Amino acid sequence: MLDYGIITEKFASLLTDTIRGKLLESEGYRVSVEEFIETEHTPKNILIKAIKLNNKAKSKTALIEKAKEDFKEIKQAFLIEPCLEKLLNEN
């Protein structure tokens, strides 16, 4: 996959957006990922929407734990340490 620059670029972009979404979910946000402009106008047309869940939401804990597990699996699969995670952990 790394032999083809355009594929590497697109994959890296999707992986980065996935990481952002999972990090937001692990912080208690409901996340949706949407296309917001036609691809003919821009190659990067993904919008990540996040809404903070109410502390009383019954499924909140399960969603957070699932997102944390998903995020951990992504990190292990690609051997990465996202800067955004480090920044969030500083606060």
PDB file of N, CA and C in Angstrom:
ATOM      1  N   MET A   1       0.827  -1.189   0.000  1.00  0.00           N
ATOM      2  CA  MET A   1       0.000   0.000   0.000  1.00  0.00           C
ATOM      3  C   MET A   1       0.875   1.258   0.000  1.00  0.00           C
ATOM      4  N   LEU A   2       2.011   1.187   0.676  1.00  0.00           N
ATOM      5  CA  LEU A   2       2.884   2.354   0.742  1.00  0.00           C
ATOM      6  C   LEU A   2       3.610   2.614  -0.569  1.00  0.00           C
ATOM      7  N   ASP A   3       3.485   1.699  -1.518  1.00  0.00           N
ATOM      8  CA  ASP A   3       4.114   1.892  -2.824  1.00  0.00           C
ATOM      9  C   ASP A   3       3.371   2.906  -3.680  1.00  0.00           C
ATOM     10  N   TYR A   4       2.142   3.207  -3.313  1.00  0.00           N
ATOM     11  CA  TYR A   4       1.298   4.076  -4.123  1.00  0.00           C
ATOM     12  C   TYR A   4       0.931   5.318  -3.325  1.00  0.00           C
ATOM     13  N   GLY A   5       1.564   6.419  -3.672  1.00  0.00           N
ATOM     14  CA  GLY A   5       1.410   7.659  -2.914  1.00  0.00           C
ATOM     15  C   GLY A   5      -0.026   8.100  -2.698  1.00  0.00           C
ATOM     16  N   ILE A   6      -0.834   8.044  -3.739  1.00  0.00           N
ATOM     17  CA  ILE A   6      -2.216   8.518  -3.620  1.00  0.00           C
ATOM     18  C   ILE A   6      -3.012   7.649  -2.649  1.00  0.00           C
ATOM     19  N   ILE A   7      -2.753   6.335  -2.656  1.00  0.00           N
ATOM     20  CA  ILE A   7      -3.452   5.431  -1.737  1.00  0.00           C
ATOM     21  C   ILE A   7      -2.981   5.673  -0.309  1.00  0.00           C
ATOM     22  N   THR A   8      -1.679   5.844  -0.137  1.00  0.00           N
ATOM     23  CA  THR A   8      -1.133   6.126   1.192  1.00  0.00           C
ATOM     24  C   THR A   8      -1.736   7.400   1.763  1.00  0.00           C
ATOM     25  N   GLU A   9      -1.823   8.431   0.942  1.00  0.00           N
ATOM     26  CA  GLU A   9      -2.371   9.715   1.389  1.00  0.00           C
ATOM     27  C   GLU A   9      -3.836   9.584   1.809  1.00  0.00           C
ATOM     28  N   LYS A  10      -4.624   8.918   0.992  1.00  0.00           N
ATOM     29  CA  LYS A  10      -6.053   8.763   1.309  1.00  0.00           C
ATOM     30  C   LYS A  10      -6.247   7.899   2.548  1.00  0.00           C
ATOM     31  N   PHE A  11      -5.476   6.826   2.657  1.00  0.00           N
ATOM     32  CA  PHE A  11      -5.588   5.957   3.820  1.00  0.00           C
ATOM     33  C   PHE A  11      -5.195   6.701   5.094  1.00  0.00           C
ATOM     34  N   ALA A  12      -4.101   7.444   5.033  1.00  0.00           N
ATOM     35  CA  ALA A  12      -3.651   8.203   6.206  1.00  0.00           C
ATOM     36  C   ALA A  12      -4.705   9.216   6.641  1.00  0.00           C
ATOM     37  N   SER A  13      -5.348   9.843   5.683  1.00  0.00           N
ATOM     38  CA  SER A  13      -6.398  10.811   5.993  1.00  0.00           C
ATOM     39  C   SER A  13      -7.579  10.134   6.689  1.00  0.00           C
ATOM     40  N   LEU A  14      -8.004   8.989   6.171  1.00  0.00           N
ATOM     41  CA  LEU A  14      -9.118   8.253   6.784  1.00  0.00           C
ATOM     42  C   LEU A  14      -8.747   7.725   8.167  1.00  0.00           C
ATOM     43  N   LEU A  15      -7.524   7.233   8.313  1.00  0.00           N
ATOM     44  CA  LEU A  15      -7.077   6.739   9.612  1.00  0.00           C
ATOM     45  C   LEU A  15      -7.053   7.873  10.638  1.00  0.00           C
ATOM     46  N   THR A  16      -6.557   9.029  10.237  1.00  0.00           N
ATOM     47  CA  THR A  16      -6.511  10.185  11.132  1.00  0.00           C
ATOM     48  C   THR A  16      -7.909  10.602  11.571  1.00  0.00           C
ATOM     49  N   ASP A  17      -8.850  10.637  10.639  1.00  0.00           N
ATOM     50  CA  ASP A  17     -10.227  10.999  10.993  1.00  0.00           C
ATOM     51  C   ASP A  17     -10.858   9.953  11.913  1.00  0.00           C
ATOM     52  N   THR A  18     -10.542   8.685  11.687  1.00  0.00           N
ATOM     53  CA  THR A  18     -11.040   7.622  12.560  1.00  0.00           C
ATOM     54  C   THR A  18     -10.500   7.797  13.975  1.00  0.00           C
ATOM     55  N   ILE A  19      -9.225   8.106  14.090  1.00  0.00           N
ATOM     56  CA  ILE A  19      -8.604   8.328  15.398  1.00  0.00           C
ATOM     57  C   ILE A  19      -9.271   9.505  16.108  1.00  0.00           C
ATOM     58  N   ARG A  20      -9.498  10.583  15.390  1.00  0.00           N
ATOM     59  CA  ARG A  20     -10.161  11.751  15.990  1.00  0.00           C
ATOM     60  C   ARG A  20     -11.548  11.378  16.510  1.00  0.00           C
ATOM     61  N   GLY A  21     -12.296  10.645  15.700  1.00  0.00           N
ATOM     62  CA  GLY A  21     -13.636  10.230  16.111  1.00  0.00           C
ATOM     63  C   GLY A  21     -13.614   9.349  17.345  1.00  0.00           C
ATOM     64  N   LYS A  22     -12.729   8.375  17.374  1.00  0.00           N
ATOM     65  CA  LYS A  22     -12.650   7.466  18.524  1.00  0.00           C
ATOM     66  C   LYS A  22     -12.191   8.203  19.780  1.00  0.00           C
ATOM     67  N   LEU A  23     -11.276   9.144  19.627  1.00  0.00           N
ATOM     68  CA  LEU A  23     -10.852   9.927  20.790  1.00  0.00           C
ATOM     69  C   LEU A  23     -12.009  10.761  21.338  1.00  0.00           C
ATOM     70  N   LEU A  24     -12.780  11.367  20.464  1.00  0.00           N
ATOM     71  CA  LEU A  24     -13.950  12.137  20.912  1.00  0.00           C
ATOM     72  C   LEU A  24     -14.961  11.228  21.613  1.00  0.00           C
ATOM     73  N   GLU A  25     -15.219  10.057  21.047  1.00  0.00           N
ATOM     74  CA  GLU A  25     -16.144   9.119  21.689  1.00  0.00           C
ATOM     75  C   GLU A  25     -15.628   8.696  23.063  1.00  0.00           C
ATOM     76  N   SER A  26     -14.330   8.474  23.168  1.00  0.00           N
ATOM     77  CA  SER A  26     -13.766   8.044  24.449  1.00  0.00           C
ATOM     78  C   SER A  26     -13.810   9.148  25.501  1.00  0.00           C
ATOM     79  N   GLU A  27     -14.038  10.390  25.062  1.00  0.00           N
ATOM     80  CA  GLU A  27     -14.192  11.517  25.987  1.00  0.00           C
ATOM     81  C   GLU A  27     -15.661  11.830  26.264  1.00  0.00           C
ATOM     82  N   GLY A  28     -16.565  10.981  25.777  1.00  0.00           N
ATOM     83  CA  GLY A  28     -17.979  11.147  26.096  1.00  0.00           C
ATOM     84  C   GLY A  28     -18.799  11.911  25.076  1.00  0.00           C
ATOM     85  N   TYR A  29     -18.344  11.939  23.831  1.00  0.00           N
ATOM     86  CA  TYR A  29     -19.085  12.608  22.764  1.00  0.00           C
ATOM     87  C   TYR A  29     -19.759  11.575  21.866  1.00  0.00           C
ATOM     88  N   ARG A  30     -20.936  11.917  21.354  1.00  0.00           N
ATOM     89  CA  ARG A  30     -21.564  11.131  20.292  1.00  0.00           C
ATOM     90  C   ARG A  30     -21.025  11.703  18.990  1.00  0.00           C
ATOM     91  N   VAL A  31     -20.463  10.854  18.161  1.00  0.00           N
ATOM     92  CA  VAL A  31     -19.754  11.299  16.964  1.00  0.00           C
ATOM     93  C   VAL A  31     -20.451  10.794  15.707  1.00  0.00           C
ATOM     94  N   SER A  32     -20.534  11.671  14.720  1.00  0.00           N
ATOM     95  CA  SER A  32     -20.956  11.248  13.385  1.00  0.00           C
ATOM     96  C   SER A  32     -19.955  11.810  12.384  1.00  0.00           C
ATOM     97  N   VAL A  33     -19.683  11.021  11.374  1.00  0.00           N
ATOM     98  CA  VAL A  33     -18.738  11.413  10.333  1.00  0.00           C
ATOM     99  C   VAL A  33     -19.527  11.516   9.040  1.00  0.00           C
ATOM    100  N   GLU A  34     -19.439  12.674   8.403  1.00  0.00           N
ATOM    101  CA  GLU A  34     -20.265  12.936   7.226  1.00  0.00           C
ATOM    102  C   GLU A  34     -19.457  13.575   6.109  1.00  0.00           C
ATOM    103  N   GLU A  35     -19.932  13.365   4.892  1.00  0.00           N
ATOM    104  CA  GLU A  35     -19.376  14.054   3.736  1.00  0.00           C
ATOM    105  C   GLU A  35     -20.097  15.395   3.630  1.00  0.00           C
ATOM    106  N   PHE A  36     -19.354  16.481   3.538  1.00  0.00           N
ATOM    107  CA  PHE A  36     -20.018  17.779   3.533  1.00  0.00           C
ATOM    108  C   PHE A  36     -19.848  18.573   2.246  1.00  0.00           C
ATOM    109  N   ILE A  37     -19.071  18.083   1.327  1.00  0.00           N
ATOM    110  CA  ILE A  37     -18.894  18.775   0.047  1.00  0.00           C
ATOM    111  C   ILE A  37     -18.536  17.714  -0.995  1.00  0.00           C
ATOM    112  N   GLU A  38     -18.883  17.939  -2.220  1.00  0.00           N
ATOM    113  CA  GLU A  38     -18.604  16.964  -3.276  1.00  0.00           C
ATOM    114  C   GLU A  38     -17.098  16.756  -3.438  1.00  0.00           C
ATOM    115  N   THR A  39     -16.691  15.523  -3.685  1.00  0.00           N
ATOM    116  CA  THR A  39     -15.266  15.212  -3.825  1.00  0.00           C
ATOM    117  C   THR A  39     -14.627  15.892  -5.027  1.00  0.00           C
ATOM    118  N   GLU A  40     -15.427  16.328  -5.970  1.00  0.00           N
ATOM    119  CA  GLU A  40     -14.853  17.028  -7.125  1.00  0.00           C
ATOM    120  C   GLU A  40     -14.286  18.393  -6.733  1.00  0.00           C
ATOM    121  N   HIS A  41     -14.714  18.932  -5.590  1.00  0.00           N
ATOM    122  CA  HIS A  41     -14.251  20.246  -5.137  1.00  0.00           C
ATOM    123  C   HIS A  41     -13.057  20.164  -4.192  1.00  0.00           C
ATOM    124  N   THR A  42     -12.977  19.095  -3.442  1.00  0.00           N
ATOM    125  CA  THR A  42     -11.879  18.930  -2.489  1.00  0.00           C
ATOM    126  C   THR A  42     -11.697  17.451  -2.176  1.00  0.00           C
ATOM    127  N   PRO A  43     -10.455  16.997  -2.044  1.00  0.00           N
ATOM    128  CA  PRO A  43     -10.242  15.586  -1.721  1.00  0.00           C
ATOM    129  C   PRO A  43     -10.552  15.263  -0.255  1.00  0.00           C
ATOM    130  N   LYS A  44     -10.495  16.262   0.590  1.00  0.00           N
ATOM    131  CA  LYS A  44     -10.756  16.054   2.017  1.00  0.00           C
ATOM    132  C   LYS A  44     -12.093  16.692   2.345  1.00  0.00           C
ATOM    133  N   ASN A  45     -13.113  15.874   2.356  1.00  0.00           N
ATOM    134  CA  ASN A  45     -14.461  16.409   2.503  1.00  0.00           C
ATOM    135  C   ASN A  45     -15.220  15.752   3.648  1.00  0.00           C
ATOM    136  N   ILE A  46     -14.519  15.379   4.686  1.00  0.00           N
ATOM    137  CA  ILE A  46     -15.149  14.717   5.824  1.00  0.00           C
ATOM    138  C   ILE A  46     -15.346  15.718   6.957  1.00  0.00           C
ATOM    139  N   LEU A  47     -16.543  15.701   7.493  1.00  0.00           N
ATOM    140  CA  LEU A  47     -16.899  16.535   8.638  1.00  0.00           C
ATOM    141  C   LEU A  47     -17.115  15.614   9.829  1.00  0.00           C
ATOM    142  N   ILE A  48     -16.436  15.890  10.915  1.00  0.00           N
ATOM    143  CA  ILE A  48     -16.626  15.128  12.146  1.00  0.00           C
ATOM    144  C   ILE A  48     -17.471  15.986  13.071  1.00  0.00           C
ATOM    145  N   LYS A  49     -18.681  15.503  13.364  1.00  0.00           N
ATOM    146  CA  LYS A  49     -19.575  16.216  14.282  1.00  0.00           C
ATOM    147  C   LYS A  49     -19.566  15.480  15.612  1.00  0.00           C
ATOM    148  N   ALA A  50     -19.477  16.243  16.696  1.00  0.00           N
ATOM    149  CA  ALA A  50     -19.457  15.635  18.022  1.00  0.00           C
ATOM    150  C   ALA A  50     -20.364  16.418  18.957  1.00  0.00           C
ATOM    151  N   ILE A  51     -21.190  15.684  19.687  1.00  0.00           N
ATOM    152  CA  ILE A  51     -22.097  16.283  20.665  1.00  0.00           C
ATOM    153  C   ILE A  51     -21.819  15.617  22.005  1.00  0.00           C
ATOM    154  N   LYS A  52     -21.536  16.440  23.013  1.00  0.00           N
ATOM    155  CA  LYS A  52     -21.248  15.913  24.347  1.00  0.00           C
ATOM    156  C   LYS A  52     -22.490  15.239  24.902  1.00  0.00           C
ATOM    157  N   LEU A  53     -22.331  13.982  25.332  1.00  0.00           N
ATOM    158  CA  LEU A  53     -23.452  13.237  25.892  1.00  0.00           C
ATOM    159  C   LEU A  53     -23.764  13.718  27.300  1.00  0.00           C
ATOM    160  N   ASN A  54     -25.011  13.677  27.648  1.00  0.00           N
ATOM    161  CA  ASN A  54     -25.465  14.012  28.985  1.00  0.00           C
ATOM    162  C   ASN A  54     -24.869  13.004  29.963  1.00  0.00           C
ATOM    163  N   ASN A  55     -24.437  13.473  31.118  1.00  0.00           N
ATOM    164  CA  ASN A  55     -23.872  12.573  32.120  1.00  0.00           C
ATOM    165  C   ASN A  55     -24.855  11.506  32.562  1.00  0.00           C
ATOM    166  N   LYS A  56     -26.141  11.744  32.356  1.00  0.00           N
ATOM    167  CA  LYS A  56     -27.160  10.790  32.772  1.00  0.00           C
ATOM    168  C   LYS A  56     -27.471   9.752  31.697  1.00  0.00           C
ATOM    169  N   ALA A  57     -26.850   9.866  30.546  1.00  0.00           N
ATOM    170  CA  ALA A  57     -27.113   8.911  29.470  1.00  0.00           C
ATOM    171  C   ALA A  57     -26.707   7.507  29.919  1.00  0.00           C
ATOM    172  N   LYS A  58     -27.655   6.585  29.886  1.00  0.00           N
ATOM    173  CA  LYS A  58     -27.419   5.233  30.395  1.00  0.00           C
ATOM    174  C   LYS A  58     -26.345   4.486  29.622  1.00  0.00           C
ATOM    175  N   SER A  59     -26.311   4.694  28.331  1.00  0.00           N
ATOM    176  CA  SER A  59     -25.366   3.944  27.508  1.00  0.00           C
ATOM    177  C   SER A  59     -24.004   4.629  27.396  1.00  0.00           C
ATOM    178  N   LYS A  60     -23.844   5.762  28.062  1.00  0.00           N
ATOM    179  CA  LYS A  60     -22.612   6.544  27.926  1.00  0.00           C
ATOM    180  C   LYS A  60     -21.374   5.735  28.317  1.00  0.00           C
ATOM    181  N   THR A  61     -21.409   5.061  29.448  1.00  0.00           N
ATOM    182  CA  THR A  61     -20.246   4.313  29.917  1.00  0.00           C
ATOM    183  C   THR A  61     -19.862   3.218  28.933  1.00  0.00           C
ATOM    184  N   ALA A  62     -20.843   2.498  28.428  1.00  0.00           N
ATOM    185  CA  ALA A  62     -20.563   1.428  27.471  1.00  0.00           C
ATOM    186  C   ALA A  62     -19.964   1.988  26.182  1.00  0.00           C
ATOM    187  N   LEU A  63     -20.485   3.117  25.714  1.00  0.00           N
ATOM    188  CA  LEU A  63     -19.959   3.744  24.498  1.00  0.00           C
ATOM    189  C   LEU A  63     -18.513   4.192  24.687  1.00  0.00           C
ATOM    190  N   ILE A  64     -18.241   4.778  25.831  1.00  0.00           N
ATOM    191  CA  ILE A  64     -16.886   5.252  26.123  1.00  0.00           C
ATOM    192  C   ILE A  64     -15.913   4.084  26.180  1.00  0.00           C
ATOM    193  N   GLU A  65     -16.292   3.027  26.871  1.00  0.00           N
ATOM    194  CA  GLU A  65     -15.415   1.859  26.989  1.00  0.00           C
ATOM    195  C   GLU A  65     -15.177   1.205  25.632  1.00  0.00           C
ATOM    196  N   LYS A  66     -16.204   1.119  24.810  1.00  0.00           N
ATOM    197  CA  LYS A  66     -16.061   0.547  23.461  1.00  0.00           C
ATOM    198  C   LYS A  66     -15.123   1.412  22.624  1.00  0.00           C
ATOM    199  N   ALA A  67     -15.279   2.721  22.697  1.00  0.00           N
ATOM    200  CA  ALA A  67     -14.415   3.631  21.938  1.00  0.00           C
ATOM    201  C   ALA A  67     -12.966   3.518  22.397  1.00  0.00           C
ATOM    202  N   LYS A  68     -12.752   3.406  23.694  1.00  0.00           N
ATOM    203  CA  LYS A  68     -11.388   3.260  24.216  1.00  0.00           C
ATOM    204  C   LYS A  68     -10.749   1.971  23.717  1.00  0.00           C
ATOM    205  N   GLU A  69     -11.530   0.893  23.709  1.00  0.00           N
ATOM    206  CA  GLU A  69     -11.020  -0.389  23.226  1.00  0.00           C
ATOM    207  C   GLU A  69     -10.722  -0.327  21.726  1.00  0.00           C
ATOM    208  N   ASP A  70     -11.622   0.266  20.958  1.00  0.00           N
ATOM    209  CA  ASP A  70     -11.400   0.431  19.514  1.00  0.00           C
ATOM    210  C   ASP A  70     -10.139   1.249  19.251  1.00  0.00           C
ATOM    211  N   PHE A  71      -9.984   2.337  19.995  1.00  0.00           N
ATOM    212  CA  PHE A  71      -8.825   3.210  19.833  1.00  0.00           C
ATOM    213  C   PHE A  71      -7.532   2.454  20.146  1.00  0.00           C
ATOM    214  N   LYS A  72      -7.555   1.692  21.220  1.00  0.00           N
ATOM    215  CA  LYS A  72      -6.385   0.903  21.613  1.00  0.00           C
ATOM    216  C   LYS A  72      -6.010  -0.093  20.511  1.00  0.00           C
ATOM    217  N   GLU A  73      -7.011  -0.737  19.924  1.00  0.00           N
ATOM    218  CA  GLU A  73      -6.764  -1.697  18.846  1.00  0.00           C
ATOM    219  C   GLU A  73      -6.164  -1.014  17.614  1.00  0.00           C
ATOM    220  N   ILE A  74      -6.648   0.171  17.291  1.00  0.00           N
ATOM    221  CA  ILE A  74      -6.105   0.919  16.145  1.00  0.00           C
ATOM    222  C   ILE A  74      -4.639   1.263  16.394  1.00  0.00           C
ATOM    223  N   LYS A  75      -4.346   1.749  17.593  1.00  0.00           N
ATOM    224  CA  LYS A  75      -2.963   2.101  17.933  1.00  0.00           C
ATOM    225  C   LYS A  75      -2.041   0.896  17.815  1.00  0.00           C
ATOM    226  N   GLN A  76      -2.500  -0.244  18.321  1.00  0.00           N
ATOM    227  CA  GLN A  76      -1.676  -1.453  18.269  1.00  0.00           C
ATOM    228  C   GLN A  76      -1.502  -1.955  16.837  1.00  0.00           C
ATOM    229  N   ALA A  77      -2.561  -1.896  16.049  1.00  0.00           N
ATOM    230  CA  ALA A  77      -2.501  -2.395  14.675  1.00  0.00           C
ATOM    231  C   ALA A  77      -1.542  -1.587  13.808  1.00  0.00           C
ATOM    232  N   PHE A  78      -1.490  -0.279  14.034  1.00  0.00           N
ATOM    233  CA  PHE A  78      -0.674   0.582  13.183  1.00  0.00           C
ATOM    234  C   PHE A  78       0.580   1.109  13.878  1.00  0.00           C
ATOM    235  N   LEU A  79       0.805   0.662  15.116  1.00  0.00           N
ATOM    236  CA  LEU A  79       1.992   1.064  15.878  1.00  0.00           C
ATOM    237  C   LEU A  79       2.152   2.577  15.914  1.00  0.00           C
ATOM    238  N   ILE A  80       1.099   3.255  16.362  1.00  0.00           N
ATOM    239  CA  ILE A  80       1.102   4.716  16.394  1.00  0.00           C
ATOM    240  C   ILE A  80       0.827   5.233  17.803  1.00  0.00           C
ATOM    241  N   GLU A  81       1.283   6.440  18.057  1.00  0.00           N
ATOM    242  CA  GLU A  81       1.014   7.173  19.292  1.00  0.00           C
ATOM    243  C   GLU A  81       0.545   8.568  18.884  1.00  0.00           C
ATOM    244  N   PRO A  82      -0.754   8.751  18.705  1.00  0.00           N
ATOM    245  CA  PRO A  82      -1.266  10.033  18.212  1.00  0.00           C
ATOM    246  C   PRO A  82      -0.957  11.209  19.139  1.00  0.00           C
ATOM    247  N   CYS A  83      -0.517  12.292  18.553  1.00  0.00           N
ATOM    248  CA  CYS A  83      -0.223  13.513  19.299  1.00  0.00           C
ATOM    249  C   CYS A  83      -1.471  14.036  20.008  1.00  0.00           C
ATOM    250  N   LEU A  84      -2.623  13.927  19.357  1.00  0.00           N
ATOM    251  CA  LEU A  84      -3.869  14.410  19.950  1.00  0.00           C
ATOM    252  C   LEU A  84      -4.160  13.706  21.271  1.00  0.00           C
ATOM    253  N   GLU A  85      -3.862  12.436  21.353  1.00  0.00           N
ATOM    254  CA  GLU A  85      -4.061  11.690  22.600  1.00  0.00           C
ATOM    255  C   GLU A  85      -3.165  12.256  23.703  1.00  0.00           C
ATOM    256  N   LYS A  86      -1.927  12.529  23.373  1.00  0.00           N
ATOM    257  CA  LYS A  86      -0.998  13.096  24.354  1.00  0.00           C
ATOM    258  C   LYS A  86      -1.484  14.456  24.838  1.00  0.00           C
ATOM    259  N   LEU A  87      -1.955  15.275  23.919  1.00  0.00           N
ATOM    260  CA  LEU A  87      -2.453  16.603  24.288  1.00  0.00           C
ATOM    261  C   LEU A  87      -3.681  16.505  25.191  1.00  0.00           C
ATOM    262  N   LEU A  88      -4.580  15.586  24.897  1.00  0.00           N
ATOM    263  CA  LEU A  88      -5.768  15.412  25.736  1.00  0.00           C
ATOM    264  C   LEU A  88      -5.400  14.919  27.131  1.00  0.00           C
ATOM    265  N   ASN A  89      -4.384  14.073  27.213  1.00  0.00           N
ATOM    266  CA  ASN A  89      -3.967  13.536  28.507  1.00  0.00           C
ATOM    267  C   ASN A  89      -3.231  14.557  29.363  1.00  0.00           C
ATOM    268  N   GLU A  90      -2.718  15.616  28.748  1.00  0.00           N
ATOM    269  CA  GLU A  90      -2.037  16.666  29.506  1.00  0.00           C
ATOM    270  C   GLU A  90      -3.012  17.484  30.341  1.00  0.00           C
ATOM    271  N   ASN A  91      -4.249  17.558  29.909  1.00  0.00           N
ATOM    272  CA  ASN A  91      -5.245  18.389  30.602  1.00  0.00           C
ATOM    273  C   ASN A  91      -6.031  17.620  31.591  1.00  0.00           C
TER     274      ASN A  91
END
